């Protein structure tokens, strides 16, 4: 696993999602990419039924959300993201103050697939959402890069396109960011986001 970047790609009004994916596929193939199969990433979300106390007045804060993800590239691994409200943060504080800081702290967890057997036992506390989100599509390799073109589906309804690009030889973002951005711009053009993500700036 190297350094990866995930970006949305807009669908023009006169094109469908499939047509837009075909355009991106042709760009990757013209650059010398080779298709190496398909990928699927799915996400199931669970919401905590027990309210979290937030704020200095002891008022109920926003609920906690547990997102459980699976990636076909890592078939025996389960990825989880737990969104925890920040201590003392009022859910309306972010909007009233105009600050861009998130009111949640995201706690990542990587485990083996046995975690999926544990999740149903949490249902007295966490209840599953009825909406399932998937991103799936073709996977390409181009030298040291891996490109994934994903169609995002929410309950089988098309919602958009996500492009994941990975540079495999490096695991430190600062060491290869300029090279990665140059490659991303070659595929996504002016739609590429060149600014460093907030999560990497914090680190």
N, C-alpha and C. Protein backbone atom coordinates (compact mmCIF):
# COMPACT_ATOMS: atom_id res chain seq x y z
N UNK A 1 0.85 -1.20 0.00
CA UNK A 1 0.00 0.00 0.00
C UNK A 1 0.88 1.23 0.00
N UNK A 2 0.69 2.10 -1.00
CA UNK A 2 1.47 3.31 -1.11
C UNK A 2 0.69 4.53 -0.69
N UNK A 3 0.92 5.65 -1.39
CA UNK A 3 0.20 6.90 -1.13
C UNK A 3 -0.95 7.00 -2.13
N UNK A 4 -2.17 7.16 -1.62
CA UNK A 4 -3.35 7.22 -2.47
C UNK A 4 -4.06 8.54 -2.30
N UNK A 5 -4.73 8.96 -3.35
CA UNK A 5 -5.57 10.14 -3.31
C UNK A 5 -6.91 9.79 -3.93
N UNK A 6 -7.98 10.28 -3.32
CA UNK A 6 -9.34 9.99 -3.77
C UNK A 6 -10.02 11.31 -4.10
N UNK A 7 -10.53 11.43 -5.34
CA UNK A 7 -11.14 12.67 -5.76
C UNK A 7 -12.43 12.40 -6.52
N UNK A 8 -13.43 13.27 -6.36
CA UNK A 8 -14.64 13.16 -7.19
C UNK A 8 -14.38 13.73 -8.58
N UNK A 9 -15.14 13.23 -9.54
CA UNK A 9 -15.03 13.75 -10.91
C UNK A 9 -16.45 14.11 -11.38
N UNK A 10 -16.66 15.33 -11.87
CA UNK A 10 -18.03 15.76 -12.22
C UNK A 10 -18.54 15.09 -13.48
N UNK A 11 -19.85 14.91 -13.53
CA UNK A 11 -20.52 14.37 -14.72
C UNK A 11 -21.22 15.53 -15.41
N UNK A 12 -20.87 15.77 -16.68
CA UNK A 12 -21.49 16.87 -17.41
C UNK A 12 -22.97 16.59 -17.65
N UNK A 13 -23.71 17.67 -17.83
CA UNK A 13 -25.16 17.56 -17.97
C UNK A 13 -25.58 16.74 -19.18
N UNK A 14 -24.79 16.81 -20.26
CA UNK A 14 -25.17 16.11 -21.49
C UNK A 14 -24.59 14.71 -21.58
N UNK A 15 -23.98 14.23 -20.49
CA UNK A 15 -23.38 12.90 -20.48
C UNK A 15 -23.94 12.09 -19.32
N UNK A 16 -23.94 10.78 -19.49
CA UNK A 16 -24.31 9.88 -18.40
C UNK A 16 -23.06 9.49 -17.61
N UNK A 17 -23.27 8.84 -16.48
CA UNK A 17 -22.13 8.38 -15.70
C UNK A 17 -21.29 7.37 -16.45
N UNK A 18 -21.95 6.47 -17.19
CA UNK A 18 -21.22 5.47 -17.99
C UNK A 18 -20.38 6.12 -19.07
N UNK A 19 -20.92 7.13 -19.73
CA UNK A 19 -20.17 7.82 -20.78
C UNK A 19 -18.96 8.56 -20.21
N UNK A 20 -19.13 9.14 -19.02
CA UNK A 20 -18.02 9.84 -18.39
C UNK A 20 -16.92 8.87 -17.98
N UNK A 21 -17.31 7.71 -17.46
CA UNK A 21 -16.33 6.68 -17.11
C UNK A 21 -15.57 6.23 -18.36
N UNK A 22 -16.26 6.08 -19.49
CA UNK A 22 -15.62 5.67 -20.74
C UNK A 22 -14.58 6.70 -21.18
N UNK A 23 -14.87 7.98 -20.98
CA UNK A 23 -13.90 9.02 -21.34
C UNK A 23 -12.64 8.88 -20.49
N UNK A 24 -12.82 8.66 -19.19
CA UNK A 24 -11.66 8.49 -18.31
C UNK A 24 -10.89 7.22 -18.64
N UNK A 25 -11.60 6.16 -19.00
CA UNK A 25 -10.92 4.92 -19.39
C UNK A 25 -10.04 5.15 -20.60
N UNK A 26 -10.53 5.87 -21.60
CA UNK A 26 -9.74 6.16 -22.79
C UNK A 26 -8.51 6.99 -22.46
N UNK A 27 -8.63 7.92 -21.52
CA UNK A 27 -7.47 8.72 -21.12
C UNK A 27 -6.40 7.83 -20.50
N UNK A 28 -6.82 6.94 -19.62
CA UNK A 28 -5.84 6.06 -18.96
C UNK A 28 -5.19 5.13 -19.98
N UNK A 29 -5.98 4.57 -20.89
CA UNK A 29 -5.43 3.67 -21.91
C UNK A 29 -4.48 4.40 -22.84
N UNK A 30 -4.80 5.65 -23.20
CA UNK A 30 -3.93 6.43 -24.08
C UNK A 30 -2.60 6.76 -23.41
N UNK A 31 -2.61 6.81 -22.08
CA UNK A 31 -1.35 7.05 -21.35
C UNK A 31 -0.53 5.79 -21.19
N UNK A 32 -1.06 4.65 -21.62
CA UNK A 32 -0.33 3.39 -21.53
C UNK A 32 -0.79 2.49 -20.41
N UNK A 33 -1.92 2.79 -19.81
CA UNK A 33 -2.43 1.96 -18.72
C UNK A 33 -2.96 0.62 -19.20
N UNK A 34 -2.93 -0.36 -18.33
CA UNK A 34 -3.43 -1.71 -18.62
C UNK A 34 -4.48 -2.08 -17.59
N UNK A 35 -5.64 -2.51 -18.05
CA UNK A 35 -6.69 -2.89 -17.11
C UNK A 35 -6.35 -4.22 -16.46
N UNK A 36 -6.46 -4.24 -15.14
CA UNK A 36 -6.10 -5.44 -14.36
C UNK A 36 -7.28 -5.95 -13.56
N UNK A 37 -8.48 -5.76 -14.08
CA UNK A 37 -9.66 -6.28 -13.41
C UNK A 37 -10.58 -5.17 -12.94
N UNK A 38 -11.39 -5.50 -11.94
CA UNK A 38 -12.35 -4.57 -11.37
C UNK A 38 -12.19 -4.53 -9.86
N UNK A 39 -12.75 -3.51 -9.25
CA UNK A 39 -12.70 -3.37 -7.80
C UNK A 39 -14.09 -3.01 -7.28
N UNK A 40 -14.30 -3.29 -6.01
CA UNK A 40 -15.55 -2.93 -5.33
C UNK A 40 -15.21 -2.47 -3.92
N UNK A 41 -15.73 -1.33 -3.54
CA UNK A 41 -15.64 -0.84 -2.16
C UNK A 41 -17.06 -0.58 -1.68
N UNK A 42 -17.45 -1.20 -0.57
CA UNK A 42 -18.79 -1.01 -0.05
C UNK A 42 -18.72 -0.46 1.37
N UNK A 43 -19.79 0.22 1.75
CA UNK A 43 -19.84 0.86 3.06
C UNK A 43 -21.21 0.65 3.68
N UNK A 44 -21.23 0.14 4.90
CA UNK A 44 -22.44 0.03 5.71
C UNK A 44 -22.29 0.95 6.92
N UNK A 45 -23.33 1.71 7.21
CA UNK A 45 -23.27 2.68 8.30
C UNK A 45 -24.20 2.27 9.43
N UNK A 46 -23.75 2.56 10.65
CA UNK A 46 -24.52 2.27 11.86
C UNK A 46 -24.53 3.52 12.73
N UNK A 47 -25.68 3.79 13.34
CA UNK A 47 -25.83 4.98 14.16
C UNK A 47 -26.07 4.56 15.61
N UNK A 48 -25.39 5.23 16.53
CA UNK A 48 -25.55 4.93 17.94
C UNK A 48 -26.91 5.43 18.43
N UNK A 49 -27.66 4.55 19.09
CA UNK A 49 -28.97 4.91 19.59
C UNK A 49 -28.89 5.71 20.89
N UNK A 50 -27.78 5.59 21.57
CA UNK A 50 -27.64 6.29 22.85
C UNK A 50 -27.04 7.66 22.59
N UNK A 51 -27.70 8.74 22.99
CA UNK A 51 -27.18 10.09 22.72
C UNK A 51 -25.90 10.35 23.48
N UNK A 52 -25.05 11.15 22.85
CA UNK A 52 -23.78 11.53 23.46
C UNK A 52 -23.96 12.91 24.08
N UNK A 53 -23.57 13.04 25.33
CA UNK A 53 -23.70 14.33 26.00
C UNK A 53 -22.63 15.27 25.48
N UNK A 54 -23.03 16.41 24.97
CA UNK A 54 -22.07 17.38 24.46
C UNK A 54 -22.42 18.77 24.93
N UNK A 55 -21.43 19.64 24.96
CA UNK A 55 -21.67 21.01 25.39
C UNK A 55 -21.61 21.15 26.90
N UNK A 56 -21.42 22.37 27.30
CA UNK A 56 -21.26 22.62 28.73
C UNK A 56 -22.58 22.55 29.48
N UNK A 57 -23.71 22.65 28.78
CA UNK A 57 -25.01 22.63 29.43
C UNK A 57 -25.59 21.23 29.57
N UNK A 58 -24.83 20.22 29.13
CA UNK A 58 -25.27 18.85 29.27
C UNK A 58 -26.37 18.45 28.31
N UNK A 59 -26.53 19.19 27.24
CA UNK A 59 -27.54 18.86 26.24
C UNK A 59 -27.08 17.70 25.38
N UNK A 60 -28.00 16.87 24.88
CA UNK A 60 -27.61 15.75 24.01
C UNK A 60 -26.90 16.25 22.75
N UNK A 61 -25.78 15.68 22.46
CA UNK A 61 -25.03 16.06 21.28
C UNK A 61 -25.40 15.20 20.09
N UNK A 62 -24.71 15.35 18.97
CA UNK A 62 -25.00 14.55 17.77
C UNK A 62 -24.65 13.08 18.00
N UNK A 63 -25.32 12.17 17.32
CA UNK A 63 -25.06 10.74 17.51
C UNK A 63 -23.73 10.33 16.91
N UNK A 64 -23.22 9.23 17.40
CA UNK A 64 -22.00 8.65 16.84
C UNK A 64 -22.35 7.75 15.66
N UNK A 65 -21.51 7.76 14.65
CA UNK A 65 -21.73 6.97 13.44
C UNK A 65 -20.55 6.04 13.23
N UNK A 66 -20.84 4.78 12.97
CA UNK A 66 -19.83 3.78 12.67
C UNK A 66 -19.97 3.36 11.21
N UNK A 67 -18.95 3.60 10.42
CA UNK A 67 -18.93 3.20 9.01
C UNK A 67 -18.01 2.00 8.84
N UNK A 68 -18.54 0.92 8.30
CA UNK A 68 -17.79 -0.32 8.08
C UNK A 68 -17.59 -0.50 6.58
N UNK A 69 -16.34 -0.59 6.16
CA UNK A 69 -16.02 -0.65 4.74
C UNK A 69 -15.28 -1.92 4.39
N UNK A 70 -15.49 -2.39 3.15
CA UNK A 70 -14.76 -3.54 2.59
C UNK A 70 -14.20 -3.16 1.23
N UNK A 71 -13.00 -3.62 0.97
CA UNK A 71 -12.31 -3.32 -0.29
C UNK A 71 -11.89 -4.64 -0.93
N UNK A 72 -12.26 -4.83 -2.20
CA UNK A 72 -11.94 -6.09 -2.88
C UNK A 72 -10.44 -6.31 -3.01
N UNK A 73 -9.64 -5.25 -2.93
CA UNK A 73 -8.18 -5.40 -2.97
C UNK A 73 -7.64 -6.01 -1.67
N UNK A 74 -8.43 -5.95 -0.60
CA UNK A 74 -8.03 -6.49 0.71
C UNK A 74 -9.17 -7.36 1.22
N UNK A 75 -9.32 -8.56 0.65
CA UNK A 75 -10.52 -9.38 0.91
C UNK A 75 -10.66 -9.89 2.34
N UNK A 76 -9.57 -9.97 3.10
CA UNK A 76 -9.67 -10.49 4.47
C UNK A 76 -9.58 -9.37 5.51
N UNK A 77 -9.74 -8.12 5.07
CA UNK A 77 -9.60 -6.98 5.96
C UNK A 77 -10.90 -6.19 6.00
N UNK A 78 -11.25 -5.71 7.17
CA UNK A 78 -12.40 -4.83 7.35
C UNK A 78 -11.90 -3.48 7.86
N UNK A 79 -12.33 -2.41 7.21
CA UNK A 79 -11.95 -1.05 7.59
C UNK A 79 -13.15 -0.37 8.26
N UNK A 80 -12.89 0.35 9.34
CA UNK A 80 -13.97 1.01 10.06
C UNK A 80 -13.57 2.45 10.37
N UNK A 81 -14.58 3.31 10.35
CA UNK A 81 -14.40 4.71 10.73
C UNK A 81 -15.48 5.07 11.75
N UNK A 82 -15.06 5.44 12.94
CA UNK A 82 -15.99 5.83 13.99
C UNK A 82 -15.95 7.35 14.12
N UNK A 83 -17.08 7.99 13.88
CA UNK A 83 -17.19 9.44 14.01
C UNK A 83 -17.64 9.78 15.42
N UNK A 84 -16.75 10.41 16.17
CA UNK A 84 -17.01 10.73 17.58
C UNK A 84 -17.10 12.24 17.73
N UNK A 85 -18.20 12.76 18.31
CA UNK A 85 -18.30 14.21 18.55
C UNK A 85 -17.16 14.69 19.45
N UNK A 86 -16.61 15.84 19.13
CA UNK A 86 -15.54 16.40 19.93
C UNK A 86 -16.06 16.80 21.30
N UNK A 87 -15.28 16.59 22.37
CA UNK A 87 -15.74 16.93 23.73
C UNK A 87 -16.04 18.42 23.85
N UNK A 88 -17.20 18.71 24.42
CA UNK A 88 -17.56 20.11 24.65
C UNK A 88 -17.99 20.86 23.41
N UNK A 89 -18.17 20.17 22.27
CA UNK A 89 -18.54 20.83 21.04
C UNK A 89 -20.04 20.80 20.87
N UNK A 90 -20.65 21.95 20.77
CA UNK A 90 -22.08 22.03 20.51
C UNK A 90 -22.32 21.76 19.04
N UNK A 91 -23.33 20.95 18.66
CA UNK A 91 -23.54 20.61 17.27
C UNK A 91 -23.80 21.80 16.38
N UNK A 92 -24.29 22.94 16.98
CA UNK A 92 -24.56 24.13 16.17
C UNK A 92 -23.43 25.15 16.23
N UNK A 93 -22.38 24.81 16.97
CA UNK A 93 -21.29 25.76 17.16
C UNK A 93 -20.56 26.06 15.87
N UNK A 94 -20.38 25.02 15.04
CA UNK A 94 -19.63 25.18 13.81
C UNK A 94 -20.33 26.16 12.87
N UNK A 95 -21.66 26.08 12.74
CA UNK A 95 -22.39 26.96 11.85
C UNK A 95 -22.45 28.38 12.38
N UNK A 96 -22.67 28.53 13.71
CA UNK A 96 -22.83 29.86 14.28
C UNK A 96 -21.52 30.64 14.29
N UNK A 97 -20.40 29.93 14.48
CA UNK A 97 -19.11 30.61 14.54
C UNK A 97 -18.49 30.83 13.19
N UNK A 98 -18.99 30.11 12.16
CA UNK A 98 -18.44 30.25 10.83
C UNK A 98 -17.11 29.57 10.65
N UNK A 99 -16.69 28.76 11.62
CA UNK A 99 -15.41 28.08 11.54
C UNK A 99 -15.53 26.86 10.63
N UNK A 100 -14.40 26.47 10.03
CA UNK A 100 -14.39 25.32 9.12
C UNK A 100 -13.99 24.04 9.82
N UNK A 101 -13.64 24.12 11.11
CA UNK A 101 -13.22 22.93 11.83
C UNK A 101 -14.39 21.96 11.98
N UNK A 102 -14.17 20.66 11.76
CA UNK A 102 -15.25 19.69 11.91
C UNK A 102 -15.61 19.51 13.38
N UNK A 103 -16.87 19.16 13.66
CA UNK A 103 -17.31 18.93 15.02
C UNK A 103 -17.15 17.47 15.42
N UNK A 104 -16.57 16.66 14.53
CA UNK A 104 -16.35 15.25 14.79
C UNK A 104 -14.87 14.91 14.71
N UNK A 105 -14.49 13.93 15.48
CA UNK A 105 -13.17 13.32 15.35
C UNK A 105 -13.36 11.93 14.76
N UNK A 106 -12.62 11.62 13.72
CA UNK A 106 -12.74 10.32 13.05
C UNK A 106 -11.68 9.37 13.58
N UNK A 107 -12.12 8.24 14.09
CA UNK A 107 -11.21 7.23 14.64
C UNK A 107 -11.17 6.05 13.67
N UNK A 108 -10.03 5.80 13.00
CA UNK A 108 -9.94 4.68 12.06
C UNK A 108 -9.60 3.38 12.76
N UNK A 109 -10.06 2.28 12.18
CA UNK A 109 -9.76 0.95 12.71
C UNK A 109 -9.59 -0.01 11.55
N UNK A 110 -8.50 -0.77 11.59
CA UNK A 110 -8.24 -1.81 10.58
C UNK A 110 -8.20 -3.14 11.30
N UNK A 111 -9.02 -4.09 10.85
CA UNK A 111 -9.11 -5.39 11.51
C UNK A 111 -9.30 -6.47 10.46
N UNK A 112 -9.29 -7.74 10.92
CA UNK A 112 -9.58 -8.81 9.98
C UNK A 112 -11.10 -8.94 9.80
N UNK A 113 -11.50 -9.80 8.90
CA UNK A 113 -12.91 -9.91 8.54
C UNK A 113 -13.78 -10.44 9.68
N UNK A 114 -13.18 -10.94 10.75
CA UNK A 114 -13.98 -11.39 11.90
C UNK A 114 -14.71 -10.23 12.57
N UNK A 115 -14.28 -9.00 12.29
CA UNK A 115 -14.97 -7.85 12.85
C UNK A 115 -16.43 -7.80 12.37
N UNK A 116 -16.69 -8.34 11.16
CA UNK A 116 -18.05 -8.35 10.64
C UNK A 116 -18.98 -9.21 11.51
N UNK A 117 -18.41 -10.20 12.21
CA UNK A 117 -19.22 -11.02 13.11
C UNK A 117 -19.51 -10.30 14.42
N UNK A 118 -18.67 -9.32 14.75
CA UNK A 118 -18.86 -8.56 15.98
C UNK A 118 -19.92 -7.47 15.83
N UNK A 119 -20.02 -6.92 14.63
CA UNK A 119 -20.92 -5.78 14.41
C UNK A 119 -22.38 -6.11 14.77
N UNK A 120 -22.93 -7.28 14.37
CA UNK A 120 -24.33 -7.56 14.75
C UNK A 120 -24.55 -7.59 16.27
N UNK A 121 -23.51 -7.93 17.02
CA UNK A 121 -23.66 -7.96 18.48
C UNK A 121 -23.71 -6.55 19.07
N UNK A 122 -23.35 -5.53 18.26
CA UNK A 122 -23.39 -4.14 18.72
C UNK A 122 -24.74 -3.49 18.47
N UNK A 123 -25.65 -4.22 17.81
CA UNK A 123 -26.92 -3.62 17.39
C UNK A 123 -27.80 -3.14 18.53
N UNK A 124 -27.69 -3.64 19.75
CA UNK A 124 -28.44 -2.97 20.82
C UNK A 124 -28.01 -1.52 21.01
N UNK A 125 -26.77 -1.20 20.62
CA UNK A 125 -26.27 0.17 20.74
C UNK A 125 -26.25 0.86 19.39
N UNK A 126 -25.78 0.16 18.36
CA UNK A 126 -25.70 0.73 17.01
C UNK A 126 -26.76 0.06 16.13
N UNK A 127 -27.55 0.87 15.46
CA UNK A 127 -28.56 0.34 14.56
C UNK A 127 -28.15 0.61 13.12
N UNK A 128 -28.30 -0.37 12.23
CA UNK A 128 -27.84 -0.17 10.84
C UNK A 128 -28.75 0.76 10.05
N UNK A 129 -28.13 1.57 9.20
CA UNK A 129 -28.90 2.37 8.26
C UNK A 129 -29.35 1.48 7.10
N UNK A 130 -30.44 1.84 6.48
CA UNK A 130 -30.98 1.02 5.39
C UNK A 130 -30.31 1.33 4.06
N UNK A 131 -29.47 2.34 4.02
CA UNK A 131 -28.82 2.75 2.77
C UNK A 131 -27.43 2.12 2.69
N UNK A 132 -27.13 1.47 1.57
CA UNK A 132 -25.82 0.87 1.33
C UNK A 132 -25.13 1.65 0.20
N UNK A 133 -23.88 1.98 0.40
CA UNK A 133 -23.11 2.75 -0.58
C UNK A 133 -22.01 1.87 -1.15
N UNK A 134 -21.86 1.91 -2.47
CA UNK A 134 -20.83 1.15 -3.16
C UNK A 134 -20.11 2.03 -4.16
N UNK A 135 -18.85 1.75 -4.37
CA UNK A 135 -18.07 2.34 -5.45
C UNK A 135 -17.38 1.19 -6.18
N UNK A 136 -17.68 1.04 -7.45
CA UNK A 136 -17.11 -0.08 -8.20
C UNK A 136 -16.84 0.33 -9.64
N UNK A 137 -15.84 -0.34 -10.23
CA UNK A 137 -15.48 -0.03 -11.60
C UNK A 137 -14.17 -0.68 -11.99
N UNK A 138 -13.59 -0.27 -13.12
CA UNK A 138 -12.35 -0.88 -13.61
C UNK A 138 -11.12 -0.42 -12.83
N UNK A 139 -10.12 -1.29 -12.83
CA UNK A 139 -8.85 -1.02 -12.15
C UNK A 139 -7.74 -1.09 -13.18
N UNK A 140 -6.81 -0.11 -13.16
CA UNK A 140 -5.74 -0.04 -14.14
C UNK A 140 -4.39 0.08 -13.43
N UNK A 141 -3.37 -0.40 -14.10
CA UNK A 141 -1.99 -0.19 -13.65
C UNK A 141 -1.21 0.51 -14.76
N UNK A 142 -0.45 1.52 -14.34
CA UNK A 142 0.37 2.29 -15.28
C UNK A 142 1.70 2.55 -14.60
N UNK A 143 2.68 1.70 -14.88
CA UNK A 143 3.96 1.81 -14.20
C UNK A 143 3.80 1.59 -12.71
N UNK A 144 4.22 2.59 -11.93
CA UNK A 144 4.13 2.49 -10.48
C UNK A 144 2.79 2.99 -9.93
N UNK A 145 1.87 3.33 -10.82
CA UNK A 145 0.60 3.89 -10.40
C UNK A 145 -0.53 2.89 -10.58
N UNK A 146 -1.53 2.98 -9.72
CA UNK A 146 -2.78 2.23 -9.83
C UNK A 146 -3.92 3.24 -9.91
N UNK A 147 -4.78 3.06 -10.90
CA UNK A 147 -5.90 3.97 -11.12
C UNK A 147 -7.20 3.18 -11.02
N UNK A 148 -8.13 3.67 -10.20
CA UNK A 148 -9.44 3.04 -10.05
C UNK A 148 -10.52 4.07 -10.39
N UNK A 149 -11.40 3.71 -11.30
CA UNK A 149 -12.48 4.59 -11.72
C UNK A 149 -13.79 4.02 -11.19
N UNK A 150 -14.33 4.64 -10.17
CA UNK A 150 -15.48 4.07 -9.48
C UNK A 150 -16.78 4.82 -9.72
N UNK A 151 -17.81 4.07 -10.03
CA UNK A 151 -19.17 4.61 -10.08
C UNK A 151 -19.78 4.44 -8.69
N UNK A 152 -20.22 5.54 -8.10
CA UNK A 152 -20.77 5.51 -6.75
C UNK A 152 -22.27 5.24 -6.82
N UNK A 153 -22.71 4.20 -6.12
CA UNK A 153 -24.11 3.81 -6.09
C UNK A 153 -24.61 3.86 -4.66
N UNK A 154 -25.76 4.48 -4.49
CA UNK A 154 -26.43 4.50 -3.19
C UNK A 154 -27.77 3.80 -3.35
N UNK A 155 -27.87 2.61 -2.75
CA UNK A 155 -29.06 1.77 -2.92
C UNK A 155 -29.36 1.56 -4.40
N UNK A 156 -28.30 1.24 -5.17
CA UNK A 156 -28.37 0.94 -6.60
C UNK A 156 -28.73 2.16 -7.45
N UNK A 157 -28.67 3.35 -6.88
CA UNK A 157 -28.92 4.58 -7.63
C UNK A 157 -27.60 5.31 -7.84
N UNK A 158 -27.28 5.68 -9.09
CA UNK A 158 -26.02 6.34 -9.41
C UNK A 158 -25.96 7.72 -8.78
N UNK A 159 -24.83 8.01 -8.09
CA UNK A 159 -24.68 9.28 -7.41
C UNK A 159 -23.48 10.08 -7.87
N UNK A 160 -22.52 9.47 -8.53
CA UNK A 160 -21.35 10.22 -8.96
C UNK A 160 -20.18 9.31 -9.27
N UNK A 161 -19.02 9.93 -9.48
CA UNK A 161 -17.80 9.21 -9.86
C UNK A 161 -16.68 9.57 -8.89
N UNK A 162 -15.98 8.56 -8.41
CA UNK A 162 -14.79 8.74 -7.58
C UNK A 162 -13.59 8.13 -8.29
N UNK A 163 -12.49 8.85 -8.29
CA UNK A 163 -11.25 8.38 -8.91
C UNK A 163 -10.19 8.24 -7.82
N UNK A 164 -9.66 7.04 -7.70
CA UNK A 164 -8.58 6.78 -6.74
C UNK A 164 -7.30 6.51 -7.51
N UNK A 165 -6.23 7.22 -7.13
CA UNK A 165 -4.92 7.05 -7.76
C UNK A 165 -3.90 6.77 -6.67
N UNK A 166 -3.16 5.70 -6.84
CA UNK A 166 -2.17 5.27 -5.84
C UNK A 166 -0.78 5.23 -6.46
N UNK A 167 0.18 5.78 -5.73
CA UNK A 167 1.60 5.67 -6.10
C UNK A 167 2.25 4.68 -5.16
N UNK A 168 2.56 3.49 -5.67
CA UNK A 168 2.92 2.37 -4.81
C UNK A 168 4.31 2.41 -4.19
N UNK A 169 5.35 2.97 -4.86
CA UNK A 169 6.70 2.88 -4.27
C UNK A 169 6.90 3.70 -3.00
N UNK A 170 6.00 4.63 -2.69
CA UNK A 170 6.21 5.54 -1.57
C UNK A 170 5.08 5.41 -0.56
N UNK A 171 5.41 5.62 0.71
CA UNK A 171 4.40 5.58 1.77
C UNK A 171 4.36 6.90 2.55
N UNK A 172 5.17 7.88 2.16
CA UNK A 172 5.19 9.19 2.80
C UNK A 172 4.68 10.22 1.80
N UNK A 173 3.55 10.84 2.12
CA UNK A 173 2.90 11.73 1.16
C UNK A 173 3.79 12.91 0.78
N UNK A 174 4.50 13.50 1.74
CA UNK A 174 5.34 14.66 1.45
C UNK A 174 6.44 14.35 0.45
N UNK A 175 6.85 13.10 0.40
CA UNK A 175 7.98 12.73 -0.46
C UNK A 175 7.58 12.56 -1.93
N UNK A 176 6.29 12.39 -2.20
CA UNK A 176 5.88 12.13 -3.58
C UNK A 176 4.66 12.94 -4.00
N UNK A 177 4.30 13.96 -3.21
CA UNK A 177 3.07 14.68 -3.49
C UNK A 177 3.09 15.38 -4.85
N UNK A 178 4.20 16.05 -5.18
CA UNK A 178 4.28 16.76 -6.46
C UNK A 178 4.19 15.79 -7.63
N UNK A 179 4.86 14.66 -7.53
CA UNK A 179 4.80 13.65 -8.59
C UNK A 179 3.38 13.11 -8.73
N UNK A 180 2.73 12.83 -7.61
CA UNK A 180 1.38 12.31 -7.63
C UNK A 180 0.41 13.32 -8.24
N UNK A 181 0.55 14.60 -7.89
CA UNK A 181 -0.32 15.64 -8.43
C UNK A 181 -0.14 15.81 -9.93
N UNK A 182 1.09 15.69 -10.40
CA UNK A 182 1.35 15.79 -11.84
C UNK A 182 0.66 14.67 -12.59
N UNK A 183 0.67 13.47 -12.02
CA UNK A 183 0.00 12.33 -12.66
C UNK A 183 -1.52 12.51 -12.61
N UNK A 184 -2.04 12.98 -11.47
CA UNK A 184 -3.48 13.19 -11.34
C UNK A 184 -3.98 14.21 -12.36
N UNK A 185 -3.23 15.30 -12.54
CA UNK A 185 -3.63 16.31 -13.50
C UNK A 185 -3.62 15.78 -14.92
N UNK A 186 -2.75 14.84 -15.21
CA UNK A 186 -2.71 14.25 -16.55
C UNK A 186 -3.95 13.45 -16.88
N UNK A 187 -4.65 12.98 -15.85
CA UNK A 187 -5.88 12.19 -16.06
C UNK A 187 -7.13 13.02 -15.86
N UNK A 188 -7.16 13.83 -14.79
CA UNK A 188 -8.37 14.59 -14.46
C UNK A 188 -8.37 15.99 -15.02
N UNK A 189 -7.23 16.47 -15.53
CA UNK A 189 -7.17 17.81 -16.09
C UNK A 189 -7.42 18.88 -15.04
N UNK A 190 -8.19 19.91 -15.41
CA UNK A 190 -8.43 21.03 -14.48
C UNK A 190 -9.38 20.65 -13.34
N UNK A 191 -9.94 19.45 -13.39
CA UNK A 191 -10.80 18.99 -12.29
C UNK A 191 -9.99 18.43 -11.12
N UNK A 192 -8.69 18.31 -11.28
CA UNK A 192 -7.86 17.76 -10.21
C UNK A 192 -7.72 18.76 -9.07
N UNK A 193 -7.79 18.25 -7.84
CA UNK A 193 -7.57 19.07 -6.65
C UNK A 193 -6.10 18.91 -6.25
N UNK A 194 -5.35 20.02 -6.34
CA UNK A 194 -3.91 19.95 -6.08
C UNK A 194 -3.54 20.31 -4.65
N UNK A 195 -4.48 20.83 -3.87
CA UNK A 195 -4.16 21.21 -2.49
C UNK A 195 -4.04 19.96 -1.62
N UNK A 196 -3.18 20.03 -0.62
CA UNK A 196 -2.96 18.91 0.28
C UNK A 196 -4.19 18.73 1.16
N UNK A 197 -4.71 17.51 1.26
CA UNK A 197 -5.90 17.28 2.10
C UNK A 197 -5.67 17.68 3.55
N UNK A 198 -6.76 18.07 4.23
CA UNK A 198 -6.66 18.53 5.61
C UNK A 198 -6.07 17.45 6.53
N UNK A 199 -6.41 16.18 6.27
CA UNK A 199 -5.91 15.11 7.12
C UNK A 199 -4.39 15.01 7.07
N UNK A 200 -3.81 15.28 5.89
CA UNK A 200 -2.36 15.23 5.78
C UNK A 200 -1.71 16.49 6.36
N UNK A 201 -2.40 17.62 6.30
CA UNK A 201 -1.87 18.84 6.90
C UNK A 201 -1.80 18.70 8.40
N UNK A 202 -2.80 18.04 9.00
CA UNK A 202 -2.80 17.85 10.45
C UNK A 202 -1.63 17.00 10.89
N UNK A 203 -1.35 15.93 10.05
CA UNK A 203 -0.24 15.04 10.39
C UNK A 203 1.09 15.74 10.26
